[in-house]
Amino acid sequence: MRPLHQNDPEANSTELYELSSERLQLRRMTLADAADVQRLAGDRAIAATTSLIPHPYSDGAAEQWIESQADDLTQGTGAVWSIFLRDDQAFVGAVGLNVDIESNRAELGYWIGVPYWNNGYVTEACQLVLEYAFMKRALHRVVAHHFSSNPTSGRVMEKLGMKREGTLRQHFRKWDDYVDCVYYGILREEYQTRNSEQPESIG
C-alpha cells in the first residue's frame, strides 16, 4: 500500500474516508447526520466524558459542527467519520482525527451513543481510523486522552495498542470541576509491529 501525505492529491479523496469492518461502516459526516448527532451527543452522559461536546446540545449546533469540518478535510488537518452499523445502517457515533501537519501527528477522538455502549464498537471504529492514520496518511504518531473519571475510555486506548504516557493534573475545566486528563500514544512503528501479521481491513 502506498502511503499518502497531506500534499498528495489523493490524500483527501472522499473515497478514502469510507472505511469498513465486520460490523461497522465509517463515512464522511454530512448534514444528513445532524439529527442523529444532536439526539445521541445531546445525552448528558456523553458530554460528561468529552472535552468538546456541550450540554445542553442546542438546535443548529450539529449542523454548525458538520459544516466546520470542510476546511479541515480540504487542508488535511482533520477528518471526522460517522459510525454506522452495517446490518441496519443505524448511526451510533463519531470518530475523528485532529492532524498537526508540521509534526506529522494526530489526536484521536471519539464518542458512541449511550444505547450502543459495551458492544466494542468504539474500539472497532478506532482500529479502522488508526489504520487510515498510519497506513494511508503515514502519520508518525497518534495520541488520545480521557478524563481520569472515565477509565473505560482508557481501556479502549489500551486495546488499540496505545501506551499510557502520563496524566495532566486538573488540566481541563468541565462545568464546575477541574479534571485530570490521562494521555496515551502510539508510534507508527509500534502500530506496524503490532499489526504485522494482520490483514488490511480498510474497505
N, C-alpha and C. Protein backbone atom coordinates (compact mmCIF):
# COMPACT_ATOMS: atom_id res chain seq x y z
N MET A 1 0.84 -1.19 0.00
CA MET A 1 0.00 0.00 0.00
C MET A 1 0.88 1.25 0.00
N ARG A 2 0.67 2.18 -0.91
CA ARG A 2 1.45 3.41 -0.97
C ARG A 2 0.90 4.42 0.03
N PRO A 3 1.73 4.87 1.00
CA PRO A 3 1.23 5.85 1.96
C PRO A 3 0.98 7.20 1.31
N LEU A 4 -0.03 7.90 1.79
CA LEU A 4 -0.38 9.22 1.28
C LEU A 4 0.03 10.28 2.29
N HIS A 5 0.50 11.40 1.79
CA HIS A 5 0.86 12.53 2.64
C HIS A 5 -0.14 13.65 2.41
N GLN A 6 -0.12 14.66 3.30
CA GLN A 6 -1.15 15.68 3.24
C GLN A 6 -1.12 16.48 1.94
N ASN A 7 0.04 16.52 1.25
CA ASN A 7 0.11 17.27 0.00
C ASN A 7 -0.11 16.38 -1.22
N ASP A 8 -0.45 15.13 -1.00
CA ASP A 8 -0.77 14.21 -2.08
C ASP A 8 -2.17 14.53 -2.58
N PRO A 9 -2.38 14.65 -3.90
CA PRO A 9 -3.72 14.99 -4.41
C PRO A 9 -4.78 13.97 -4.05
N GLU A 10 -4.38 12.74 -3.69
CA GLU A 10 -5.36 11.73 -3.32
C GLU A 10 -5.61 11.68 -1.82
N ALA A 11 -4.83 12.43 -1.05
CA ALA A 11 -4.86 12.25 0.41
C ALA A 11 -6.20 12.59 1.02
N ASN A 12 -6.93 13.53 0.41
CA ASN A 12 -8.20 13.95 0.99
C ASN A 12 -9.40 13.52 0.14
N SER A 13 -9.19 12.53 -0.71
CA SER A 13 -10.28 11.99 -1.51
C SER A 13 -11.37 11.45 -0.62
N THR A 14 -12.61 11.79 -0.94
CA THR A 14 -13.74 11.33 -0.14
C THR A 14 -13.77 9.81 -0.04
N GLU A 15 -13.37 9.11 -1.12
CA GLU A 15 -13.43 7.66 -1.10
C GLU A 15 -12.55 7.08 0.01
N LEU A 16 -11.43 7.74 0.30
CA LEU A 16 -10.54 7.21 1.32
C LEU A 16 -11.14 7.30 2.71
N TYR A 17 -12.19 8.07 2.87
CA TYR A 17 -12.83 8.20 4.18
C TYR A 17 -13.93 7.17 4.38
N GLU A 18 -14.13 6.30 3.42
CA GLU A 18 -15.13 5.25 3.55
C GLU A 18 -14.43 3.99 4.03
N LEU A 19 -14.53 3.73 5.33
CA LEU A 19 -13.85 2.60 5.96
C LEU A 19 -14.88 1.60 6.44
N SER A 20 -14.52 0.33 6.46
CA SER A 20 -15.49 -0.67 6.89
C SER A 20 -14.80 -1.82 7.63
N SER A 21 -15.55 -2.42 8.53
CA SER A 21 -15.11 -3.59 9.27
C SER A 21 -16.26 -4.60 9.23
N GLU A 22 -16.14 -5.65 10.02
CA GLU A 22 -17.17 -6.69 10.00
C GLU A 22 -18.53 -6.16 10.40
N ARG A 23 -18.57 -5.25 11.39
CA ARG A 23 -19.85 -4.78 11.91
C ARG A 23 -20.15 -3.32 11.58
N LEU A 24 -19.14 -2.56 11.15
CA LEU A 24 -19.30 -1.10 11.05
C LEU A 24 -18.97 -0.57 9.67
N GLN A 25 -19.57 0.56 9.37
CA GLN A 25 -19.19 1.37 8.21
C GLN A 25 -18.92 2.79 8.70
N LEU A 26 -17.79 3.35 8.28
CA LEU A 26 -17.43 4.72 8.62
C LEU A 26 -17.45 5.54 7.34
N ARG A 27 -18.19 6.67 7.40
CA ARG A 27 -18.29 7.53 6.24
C ARG A 27 -18.10 8.98 6.65
N ARG A 28 -17.72 9.79 5.69
CA ARG A 28 -17.58 11.22 5.96
C ARG A 28 -18.90 11.77 6.47
N MET A 29 -18.83 12.56 7.54
CA MET A 29 -20.04 13.11 8.13
C MET A 29 -20.66 14.15 7.22
N THR A 30 -22.00 14.11 7.09
CA THR A 30 -22.73 15.07 6.27
C THR A 30 -23.87 15.66 7.09
N LEU A 31 -24.50 16.68 6.53
CA LEU A 31 -25.62 17.32 7.21
C LEU A 31 -26.78 16.35 7.45
N ALA A 32 -26.85 15.30 6.67
CA ALA A 32 -27.90 14.30 6.88
C ALA A 32 -27.76 13.60 8.23
N ASP A 33 -26.57 13.68 8.83
CA ASP A 33 -26.33 13.05 10.12
C ASP A 33 -26.65 13.96 11.30
N ALA A 34 -26.99 15.22 11.04
CA ALA A 34 -27.12 16.22 12.11
C ALA A 34 -28.14 15.82 13.17
N ALA A 35 -29.30 15.34 12.76
CA ALA A 35 -30.34 14.98 13.73
C ALA A 35 -29.87 13.87 14.65
N ASP A 36 -29.18 12.88 14.10
CA ASP A 36 -28.67 11.79 14.92
C ASP A 36 -27.57 12.27 15.85
N VAL A 37 -26.72 13.16 15.36
CA VAL A 37 -25.67 13.71 16.21
C VAL A 37 -26.28 14.42 17.41
N GLN A 38 -27.26 15.28 17.16
CA GLN A 38 -27.88 16.01 18.26
C GLN A 38 -28.59 15.06 19.23
N ARG A 39 -29.26 14.06 18.69
CA ARG A 39 -30.01 13.12 19.53
C ARG A 39 -29.09 12.33 20.46
N LEU A 40 -27.99 11.81 19.92
CA LEU A 40 -27.12 10.96 20.72
C LEU A 40 -26.10 11.77 21.53
N ALA A 41 -25.48 12.77 20.90
CA ALA A 41 -24.48 13.57 21.62
C ALA A 41 -25.14 14.48 22.64
N GLY A 42 -26.46 14.68 22.51
CA GLY A 42 -27.16 15.53 23.46
C GLY A 42 -27.38 14.89 24.82
N ASP A 43 -27.07 13.63 24.96
CA ASP A 43 -27.18 12.96 26.25
C ASP A 43 -26.10 13.49 27.19
N ARG A 44 -26.48 13.88 28.39
CA ARG A 44 -25.51 14.43 29.34
C ARG A 44 -24.36 13.46 29.61
N ALA A 45 -24.63 12.17 29.56
CA ALA A 45 -23.59 11.18 29.81
C ALA A 45 -22.47 11.25 28.78
N ILE A 46 -22.80 11.66 27.56
CA ILE A 46 -21.79 11.82 26.52
C ILE A 46 -20.97 13.08 26.80
N ALA A 47 -21.63 14.17 27.07
CA ALA A 47 -20.93 15.42 27.35
C ALA A 47 -20.01 15.30 28.56
N ALA A 48 -20.43 14.52 29.56
CA ALA A 48 -19.66 14.40 30.79
C ALA A 48 -18.31 13.74 30.58
N THR A 49 -18.16 12.96 29.50
CA THR A 49 -16.92 12.23 29.29
C THR A 49 -16.08 12.79 28.15
N THR A 50 -16.49 13.92 27.58
CA THR A 50 -15.77 14.51 26.45
C THR A 50 -15.46 15.97 26.73
N SER A 51 -14.40 16.45 26.09
CA SER A 51 -13.95 17.82 26.36
C SER A 51 -14.66 18.86 25.51
N LEU A 52 -15.20 18.49 24.36
CA LEU A 52 -15.72 19.49 23.43
C LEU A 52 -17.23 19.45 23.22
N ILE A 53 -17.91 18.40 23.66
CA ILE A 53 -19.35 18.30 23.43
C ILE A 53 -20.10 19.07 24.51
N PRO A 54 -20.95 20.01 24.10
CA PRO A 54 -21.67 20.82 25.08
C PRO A 54 -22.92 20.11 25.60
N HIS A 55 -23.43 20.61 26.70
CA HIS A 55 -24.73 20.15 27.21
C HIS A 55 -25.39 21.35 27.91
N PRO A 56 -26.62 21.68 27.54
CA PRO A 56 -27.43 21.01 26.51
C PRO A 56 -26.89 21.24 25.11
N TYR A 57 -27.27 20.36 24.21
CA TYR A 57 -26.83 20.40 22.82
C TYR A 57 -27.89 21.15 22.02
N SER A 58 -27.63 22.41 21.74
CA SER A 58 -28.67 23.29 21.18
C SER A 58 -28.97 23.00 19.72
N ASP A 59 -30.16 23.40 19.30
CA ASP A 59 -30.54 23.27 17.89
C ASP A 59 -29.56 24.04 17.02
N GLY A 60 -29.16 23.43 15.92
CA GLY A 60 -28.24 24.07 14.99
C GLY A 60 -26.77 23.80 15.28
N ALA A 61 -26.45 23.32 16.48
CA ALA A 61 -25.05 23.09 16.84
C ALA A 61 -24.45 21.95 16.02
N ALA A 62 -25.23 20.91 15.77
CA ALA A 62 -24.71 19.79 14.99
C ALA A 62 -24.42 20.23 13.55
N GLU A 63 -25.34 20.98 12.97
CA GLU A 63 -25.12 21.46 11.61
C GLU A 63 -23.88 22.35 11.53
N GLN A 64 -23.71 23.22 12.52
CA GLN A 64 -22.54 24.10 12.54
C GLN A 64 -21.25 23.30 12.64
N TRP A 65 -21.24 22.28 13.49
CA TRP A 65 -20.05 21.45 13.65
C TRP A 65 -19.73 20.71 12.35
N ILE A 66 -20.74 20.13 11.73
CA ILE A 66 -20.51 19.38 10.49
C ILE A 66 -19.99 20.29 9.38
N GLU A 67 -20.56 21.46 9.26
CA GLU A 67 -20.10 22.39 8.22
C GLU A 67 -18.67 22.85 8.47
N SER A 68 -18.27 22.93 9.72
CA SER A 68 -16.92 23.38 10.05
C SER A 68 -15.85 22.36 9.67
N GLN A 69 -16.26 21.14 9.39
CA GLN A 69 -15.30 20.08 9.08
C GLN A 69 -14.73 20.20 7.67
N ALA A 70 -15.39 20.96 6.81
CA ALA A 70 -14.98 21.00 5.40
C ALA A 70 -13.57 21.54 5.22
N ASP A 71 -13.23 22.61 5.93
CA ASP A 71 -11.90 23.20 5.78
C ASP A 71 -10.81 22.24 6.24
N ASP A 72 -11.05 21.56 7.36
CA ASP A 72 -10.06 20.60 7.85
C ASP A 72 -9.85 19.48 6.85
N LEU A 73 -10.93 19.04 6.25
CA LEU A 73 -10.84 17.97 5.25
C LEU A 73 -10.02 18.42 4.05
N THR A 74 -10.30 19.63 3.56
CA THR A 74 -9.60 20.16 2.39
C THR A 74 -8.12 20.37 2.68
N GLN A 75 -7.81 20.88 3.86
CA GLN A 75 -6.43 21.21 4.21
C GLN A 75 -5.65 20.02 4.75
N GLY A 76 -6.33 18.91 5.00
CA GLY A 76 -5.66 17.74 5.52
C GLY A 76 -5.36 17.81 7.00
N THR A 77 -6.01 18.73 7.71
CA THR A 77 -5.73 18.91 9.13
C THR A 77 -6.72 18.17 10.03
N GLY A 78 -7.65 17.47 9.44
CA GLY A 78 -8.60 16.73 10.26
C GLY A 78 -9.59 15.96 9.43
N ALA A 79 -10.23 15.01 10.07
CA ALA A 79 -11.27 14.21 9.43
C ALA A 79 -12.19 13.67 10.51
N VAL A 80 -13.48 13.67 10.21
CA VAL A 80 -14.47 13.12 11.13
C VAL A 80 -15.32 12.12 10.36
N TRP A 81 -15.54 10.97 10.97
CA TRP A 81 -16.36 9.93 10.37
C TRP A 81 -17.63 9.70 11.19
N SER A 82 -18.73 9.49 10.52
CA SER A 82 -19.93 8.96 11.16
C SER A 82 -19.78 7.45 11.23
N ILE A 83 -20.22 6.86 12.34
CA ILE A 83 -20.13 5.42 12.53
C ILE A 83 -21.52 4.81 12.39
N PHE A 84 -21.67 3.86 11.47
CA PHE A 84 -22.94 3.19 11.24
C PHE A 84 -22.79 1.68 11.45
N LEU A 85 -23.85 1.05 11.91
CA LEU A 85 -23.88 -0.41 11.95
C LEU A 85 -24.16 -0.93 10.54
N ARG A 86 -23.43 -1.93 10.14
CA ARG A 86 -23.59 -2.44 8.78
C ARG A 86 -24.94 -3.13 8.59
N ASP A 87 -25.45 -3.79 9.62
CA ASP A 87 -26.65 -4.60 9.42
C ASP A 87 -27.91 -3.77 9.22
N ASP A 88 -28.05 -2.65 9.96
CA ASP A 88 -29.28 -1.86 9.82
C ASP A 88 -29.03 -0.38 9.52
N GLN A 89 -27.74 -0.01 9.31
CA GLN A 89 -27.35 1.36 8.98
C GLN A 89 -27.73 2.36 10.08
N ALA A 90 -27.81 1.92 11.31
CA ALA A 90 -28.08 2.83 12.42
C ALA A 90 -26.84 3.66 12.70
N PHE A 91 -27.05 4.96 12.89
CA PHE A 91 -25.96 5.86 13.28
C PHE A 91 -25.70 5.65 14.77
N VAL A 92 -24.42 5.41 15.14
CA VAL A 92 -24.12 5.11 16.54
C VAL A 92 -23.13 6.07 17.17
N GLY A 93 -22.42 6.88 16.39
CA GLY A 93 -21.46 7.80 16.99
C GLY A 93 -20.52 8.39 15.96
N ALA A 94 -19.39 8.89 16.45
CA ALA A 94 -18.43 9.55 15.57
C ALA A 94 -17.02 9.32 16.07
N VAL A 95 -16.08 9.39 15.13
CA VAL A 95 -14.66 9.25 15.45
C VAL A 95 -13.89 10.19 14.53
N GLY A 96 -12.82 10.77 15.03
CA GLY A 96 -12.11 11.74 14.21
C GLY A 96 -10.64 11.87 14.56
N LEU A 97 -9.91 12.54 13.66
CA LEU A 97 -8.50 12.85 13.84
C LEU A 97 -8.31 14.35 13.70
N ASN A 98 -7.56 14.92 14.61
CA ASN A 98 -7.12 16.31 14.51
C ASN A 98 -5.63 16.27 14.20
N VAL A 99 -5.23 16.66 12.98
CA VAL A 99 -3.88 16.43 12.48
C VAL A 99 -3.01 17.67 12.61
N ASP A 100 -1.83 17.48 13.17
CA ASP A 100 -0.78 18.50 13.20
C ASP A 100 0.18 18.16 12.07
N ILE A 101 0.04 18.85 10.94
CA ILE A 101 0.79 18.50 9.75
C ILE A 101 2.29 18.70 9.96
N GLU A 102 2.69 19.78 10.59
CA GLU A 102 4.11 20.08 10.78
C GLU A 102 4.82 18.98 11.57
N SER A 103 4.14 18.47 12.61
CA SER A 103 4.75 17.43 13.44
C SER A 103 4.36 16.02 13.01
N ASN A 104 3.53 15.92 11.96
CA ASN A 104 3.12 14.63 11.40
C ASN A 104 2.52 13.71 12.45
N ARG A 105 1.61 14.29 13.24
CA ARG A 105 0.93 13.51 14.27
C ARG A 105 -0.54 13.91 14.30
N ALA A 106 -1.34 13.14 15.04
CA ALA A 106 -2.77 13.45 15.15
C ALA A 106 -3.27 13.06 16.51
N GLU A 107 -4.36 13.71 16.92
CA GLU A 107 -5.06 13.31 18.13
C GLU A 107 -6.36 12.62 17.72
N LEU A 108 -6.60 11.49 18.32
CA LEU A 108 -7.78 10.68 18.06
C LEU A 108 -8.87 11.02 19.07
N GLY A 109 -10.09 11.22 18.58
CA GLY A 109 -11.22 11.47 19.46
C GLY A 109 -12.42 10.66 19.00
N TYR A 110 -13.32 10.36 19.93
CA TYR A 110 -14.46 9.51 19.58
C TYR A 110 -15.56 9.62 20.62
N TRP A 111 -16.77 9.27 20.21
CA TRP A 111 -17.88 9.07 21.14
C TRP A 111 -18.89 8.11 20.52
N ILE A 112 -19.55 7.36 21.39
CA ILE A 112 -20.57 6.40 20.97
C ILE A 112 -21.83 6.68 21.78
N GLY A 113 -22.98 6.70 21.11
CA GLY A 113 -24.24 6.94 21.80
C GLY A 113 -24.49 5.93 22.90
N VAL A 114 -25.08 6.39 24.00
CA VAL A 114 -25.31 5.53 25.18
C VAL A 114 -26.02 4.21 24.84
N PRO A 115 -27.03 4.19 23.96
CA PRO A 115 -27.69 2.91 23.67
C PRO A 115 -26.76 1.87 23.06
N TYR A 116 -25.59 2.29 22.59
CA TYR A 116 -24.67 1.39 21.90
C TYR A 116 -23.41 1.10 22.70
N TRP A 117 -23.37 1.52 23.95
CA TRP A 117 -22.21 1.25 24.80
C TRP A 117 -22.06 -0.26 25.04
N ASN A 118 -20.82 -0.64 25.38
CA ASN A 118 -20.49 -2.00 25.81
C ASN A 118 -20.68 -3.06 24.72
N ASN A 119 -20.49 -2.63 23.48
CA ASN A 119 -20.53 -3.58 22.37
C ASN A 119 -19.22 -3.65 21.60
N GLY A 120 -18.22 -2.89 22.02
CA GLY A 120 -16.94 -2.89 21.34
C GLY A 120 -16.90 -2.06 20.08
N TYR A 121 -17.94 -1.27 19.83
CA TYR A 121 -17.99 -0.50 18.58
C TYR A 121 -16.90 0.56 18.50
N VAL A 122 -16.63 1.24 19.61
CA VAL A 122 -15.65 2.31 19.55
C VAL A 122 -14.26 1.75 19.27
N THR A 123 -13.91 0.61 19.87
CA THR A 123 -12.61 0.01 19.60
C THR A 123 -12.51 -0.39 18.13
N GLU A 124 -13.57 -0.97 17.61
CA GLU A 124 -13.58 -1.41 16.21
C GLU A 124 -13.45 -0.22 15.26
N ALA A 125 -14.15 0.86 15.56
CA ALA A 125 -14.07 2.06 14.72
C ALA A 125 -12.68 2.68 14.79
N CYS A 126 -12.13 2.76 16.00
CA CYS A 126 -10.81 3.38 16.15
C CYS A 126 -9.71 2.55 15.49
N GLN A 127 -9.87 1.25 15.45
CA GLN A 127 -8.90 0.42 14.74
C GLN A 127 -8.84 0.80 13.26
N LEU A 128 -10.00 1.04 12.67
CA LEU A 128 -10.04 1.47 11.27
C LEU A 128 -9.36 2.82 11.08
N VAL A 129 -9.61 3.73 11.99
CA VAL A 129 -9.04 5.07 11.86
C VAL A 129 -7.53 5.06 12.10
N LEU A 130 -7.06 4.24 13.02
CA LEU A 130 -5.61 4.12 13.21
C LEU A 130 -4.94 3.55 11.96
N GLU A 131 -5.58 2.58 11.34
CA GLU A 131 -5.03 2.04 10.09
C GLU A 131 -4.97 3.13 9.03
N TYR A 132 -6.02 3.91 8.94
CA TYR A 132 -6.01 5.03 7.99
C TYR A 132 -4.88 6.00 8.32
N ALA A 133 -4.73 6.34 9.61
CA ALA A 133 -3.74 7.33 10.03
C ALA A 133 -2.32 6.89 9.69
N PHE A 134 -2.02 5.65 9.97
CA PHE A 134 -0.65 5.18 9.80
C PHE A 134 -0.35 4.64 8.41
N MET A 135 -1.32 3.97 7.80
CA MET A 135 -1.05 3.32 6.53
C MET A 135 -1.43 4.16 5.32
N LYS A 136 -2.45 5.00 5.46
CA LYS A 136 -2.83 5.88 4.35
C LYS A 136 -2.17 7.25 4.47
N ARG A 137 -2.21 7.83 5.67
CA ARG A 137 -1.63 9.16 5.85
C ARG A 137 -0.16 9.13 6.25
N ALA A 138 0.35 7.97 6.61
CA ALA A 138 1.75 7.82 7.01
C ALA A 138 2.12 8.76 8.16
N LEU A 139 1.19 8.95 9.10
CA LEU A 139 1.49 9.76 10.27
C LEU A 139 2.51 9.04 11.15
N HIS A 140 3.27 9.83 11.91
CA HIS A 140 4.31 9.26 12.76
C HIS A 140 3.78 8.86 14.13
N ARG A 141 2.74 9.55 14.59
CA ARG A 141 2.29 9.34 15.96
C ARG A 141 0.82 9.71 16.08
N VAL A 142 0.09 8.96 16.90
CA VAL A 142 -1.30 9.29 17.23
C VAL A 142 -1.44 9.26 18.75
N VAL A 143 -2.09 10.30 19.28
CA VAL A 143 -2.32 10.39 20.72
C VAL A 143 -3.82 10.44 20.97
N ALA A 144 -4.18 10.21 22.22
CA ALA A 144 -5.57 10.32 22.65
C ALA A 144 -5.55 10.58 24.15
N HIS A 145 -6.65 11.15 24.66
CA HIS A 145 -6.71 11.36 26.10
C HIS A 145 -8.13 11.08 26.61
N HIS A 146 -8.21 10.83 27.90
CA HIS A 146 -9.52 10.66 28.52
C HIS A 146 -9.48 11.29 29.91
N PHE A 147 -10.66 11.67 30.39
CA PHE A 147 -10.75 12.15 31.77
C PHE A 147 -10.46 10.99 32.71
N SER A 148 -9.80 11.27 33.82
CA SER A 148 -9.49 10.21 34.78
C SER A 148 -10.76 9.57 35.35
N SER A 149 -11.86 10.29 35.28
CA SER A 149 -13.14 9.77 35.76
C SER A 149 -13.79 8.79 34.78
N ASN A 150 -13.15 8.59 33.62
CA ASN A 150 -13.70 7.71 32.59
C ASN A 150 -12.67 6.65 32.20
N PRO A 151 -12.32 5.74 33.11
CA PRO A 151 -11.30 4.73 32.81
C PRO A 151 -11.68 3.78 31.69
N THR A 152 -12.97 3.67 31.38
CA THR A 152 -13.39 2.80 30.28
C THR A 152 -12.75 3.24 28.97
N SER A 153 -12.64 4.56 28.78
CA SER A 153 -12.01 5.06 27.57
C SER A 153 -10.53 4.71 27.53
N GLY A 154 -9.90 4.69 28.69
CA GLY A 154 -8.51 4.28 28.76
C GLY A 154 -8.31 2.83 28.34
N ARG A 155 -9.27 1.98 28.69
CA ARG A 155 -9.18 0.57 28.29
C ARG A 155 -9.32 0.42 26.77
N VAL A 156 -10.11 1.29 26.16
CA VAL A 156 -10.19 1.30 24.70
C VAL A 156 -8.82 1.60 24.11
N MET A 157 -8.17 2.62 24.63
CA MET A 157 -6.85 3.01 24.12
C MET A 157 -5.84 1.89 24.29
N GLU A 158 -5.90 1.19 25.40
CA GLU A 158 -5.00 0.06 25.61
C GLU A 158 -5.27 -1.05 24.61
N LYS A 159 -6.54 -1.31 24.30
CA LYS A 159 -6.88 -2.33 23.31
C LYS A 159 -6.35 -1.97 21.93
N LEU A 160 -6.20 -0.67 21.68
CA LEU A 160 -5.67 -0.21 20.40
C LEU A 160 -4.15 -0.30 20.33
N GLY A 161 -3.53 -0.69 21.43
CA GLY A 161 -2.08 -0.78 21.47
C GLY A 161 -1.40 0.50 21.89
N MET A 162 -2.17 1.48 22.36
CA MET A 162 -1.60 2.74 22.79
C MET A 162 -1.00 2.59 24.19
N LYS A 163 0.05 3.35 24.45
CA LYS A 163 0.73 3.29 25.73
C LYS A 163 0.39 4.52 26.57
N ARG A 164 0.13 4.28 27.85
CA ARG A 164 -0.13 5.40 28.75
C ARG A 164 1.14 6.21 28.93
N GLU A 165 1.05 7.50 28.71
CA GLU A 165 2.24 8.35 28.74
C GLU A 165 2.26 9.34 29.90
N GLY A 166 1.13 9.55 30.54
CA GLY A 166 1.14 10.45 31.69
C GLY A 166 -0.20 11.09 31.93
N THR A 167 -0.29 11.80 33.07
CA THR A 167 -1.51 12.47 33.47
C THR A 167 -1.25 13.96 33.67
N LEU A 168 -2.07 14.77 33.05
CA LEU A 168 -2.02 16.22 33.27
C LEU A 168 -3.06 16.55 34.33
N ARG A 169 -2.60 16.96 35.49
CA ARG A 169 -3.48 17.15 36.63
C ARG A 169 -4.35 18.40 36.48
N GLN A 170 -5.64 18.23 36.72
CA GLN A 170 -6.61 19.32 36.65
C GLN A 170 -6.40 20.15 35.39
N HIS A 171 -6.23 19.45 34.30
CA HIS A 171 -5.85 20.08 33.03
C HIS A 171 -7.01 20.73 32.30
N PHE A 172 -8.23 20.23 32.55
CA PHE A 172 -9.38 20.70 31.81
C PHE A 172 -10.50 21.06 32.77
N ARG A 173 -11.18 22.14 32.47
CA ARG A 173 -12.32 22.52 33.29
C ARG A 173 -13.60 22.04 32.63
N LYS A 174 -14.26 21.11 33.29
CA LYS A 174 -15.52 20.58 32.78
C LYS A 174 -16.62 21.02 33.71
N TRP A 175 -17.47 21.93 33.20
CA TRP A 175 -18.51 22.53 34.01
C TRP A 175 -17.90 23.20 35.24
N ASP A 176 -18.15 22.74 36.43
CA ASP A 176 -17.62 23.41 37.62
C ASP A 176 -16.41 22.71 38.22
N ASP A 177 -15.88 21.71 37.54
CA ASP A 177 -14.78 20.93 38.10
C ASP A 177 -13.55 20.99 37.20
N TYR A 178 -12.38 20.93 37.83
CA TYR A 178 -11.13 20.75 37.10
C TYR A 178 -10.81 19.26 37.11
N VAL A 179 -10.59 18.69 35.92
CA VAL A 179 -10.42 17.25 35.82
C VAL A 179 -9.03 16.90 35.28
N ASP A 180 -8.53 15.74 35.74
CA ASP A 180 -7.26 15.22 35.24
C ASP A 180 -7.47 14.61 33.86
N CYS A 181 -6.49 14.77 32.98
CA CYS A 181 -6.53 14.17 31.66
C CYS A 181 -5.39 13.16 31.53
N VAL A 182 -5.73 11.93 31.18
CA VAL A 182 -4.75 10.86 31.04
C VAL A 182 -4.45 10.69 29.54
N TYR A 183 -3.17 10.75 29.19
CA TYR A 183 -2.76 10.71 27.78
C TYR A 183 -2.14 9.37 27.41
N TYR A 184 -2.50 8.93 26.21
CA TYR A 184 -1.95 7.72 25.61
C TYR A 184 -1.38 8.07 24.24
N GLY A 185 -0.44 7.25 23.76
CA GLY A 185 0.12 7.47 22.44
C GLY A 185 0.60 6.18 21.81
N ILE A 186 0.71 6.20 20.49
CA ILE A 186 1.25 5.07 19.75
C ILE A 186 2.01 5.61 18.55
N LEU A 187 3.18 5.04 18.28
CA LEU A 187 4.00 5.43 17.14
C LEU A 187 3.71 4.51 15.96
N ARG A 188 3.99 5.00 14.77
CA ARG A 188 3.72 4.21 13.57
C ARG A 188 4.47 2.88 13.60
N GLU A 189 5.72 2.90 14.03
CA GLU A 189 6.48 1.65 14.06
C GLU A 189 5.89 0.65 15.06
N GLU A 190 5.34 1.17 16.16
CA GLU A 190 4.68 0.30 17.13
C GLU A 190 3.42 -0.30 16.55
N TYR A 191 2.67 0.52 15.83
CA TYR A 191 1.46 0.04 15.18
C TYR A 191 1.80 -1.04 14.16
N GLN A 192 2.82 -0.80 13.35
CA GLN A 192 3.18 -1.76 12.31
C GLN A 192 3.65 -3.08 12.91
N THR A 193 4.43 -3.01 13.99
CA THR A 193 4.89 -4.23 14.65
C THR A 193 3.72 -5.02 15.20
N ARG A 194 2.79 -4.31 15.83
CA ARG A 194 1.63 -4.97 16.45
C ARG A 194 0.72 -5.60 15.42
N ASN A 195 0.65 -5.01 14.24
CA ASN A 195 -0.31 -5.46 13.23
C ASN A 195 0.36 -6.13 12.03
N SER A 196 1.62 -6.51 12.17
CA SER A 196 2.38 -7.02 11.02
C SER A 196 1.79 -8.30 10.44
N GLU A 197 1.09 -9.08 11.26
CA GLU A 197 0.54 -10.33 10.74
C GLU A 197 -0.95 -10.27 10.52
N GLN A 198 -1.53 -9.05 10.67
CA GLN A 198 -2.97 -8.92 10.46
C GLN A 198 -3.25 -8.40 9.06
N PRO A 199 -4.30 -8.89 8.40
CA PRO A 199 -4.63 -8.42 7.04
C PRO A 199 -5.18 -7.01 7.09
N GLU A 200 -5.03 -6.31 5.96
CA GLU A 200 -5.59 -4.97 5.85
C GLU A 200 -7.10 -5.04 5.97
N SER A 201 -7.68 -4.04 6.67
CA SER A 201 -9.13 -4.11 6.91
C SER A 201 -9.89 -2.92 6.35
N ILE A 202 -9.18 -1.95 5.78
CA ILE A 202 -9.90 -0.79 5.24
C ILE A 202 -10.65 -1.21 3.99
N GLY A 203 -11.96 -0.96 4.00
CA GLY A 203 -12.79 -1.32 2.87
C GLY A 203 -13.01 -0.16 1.95
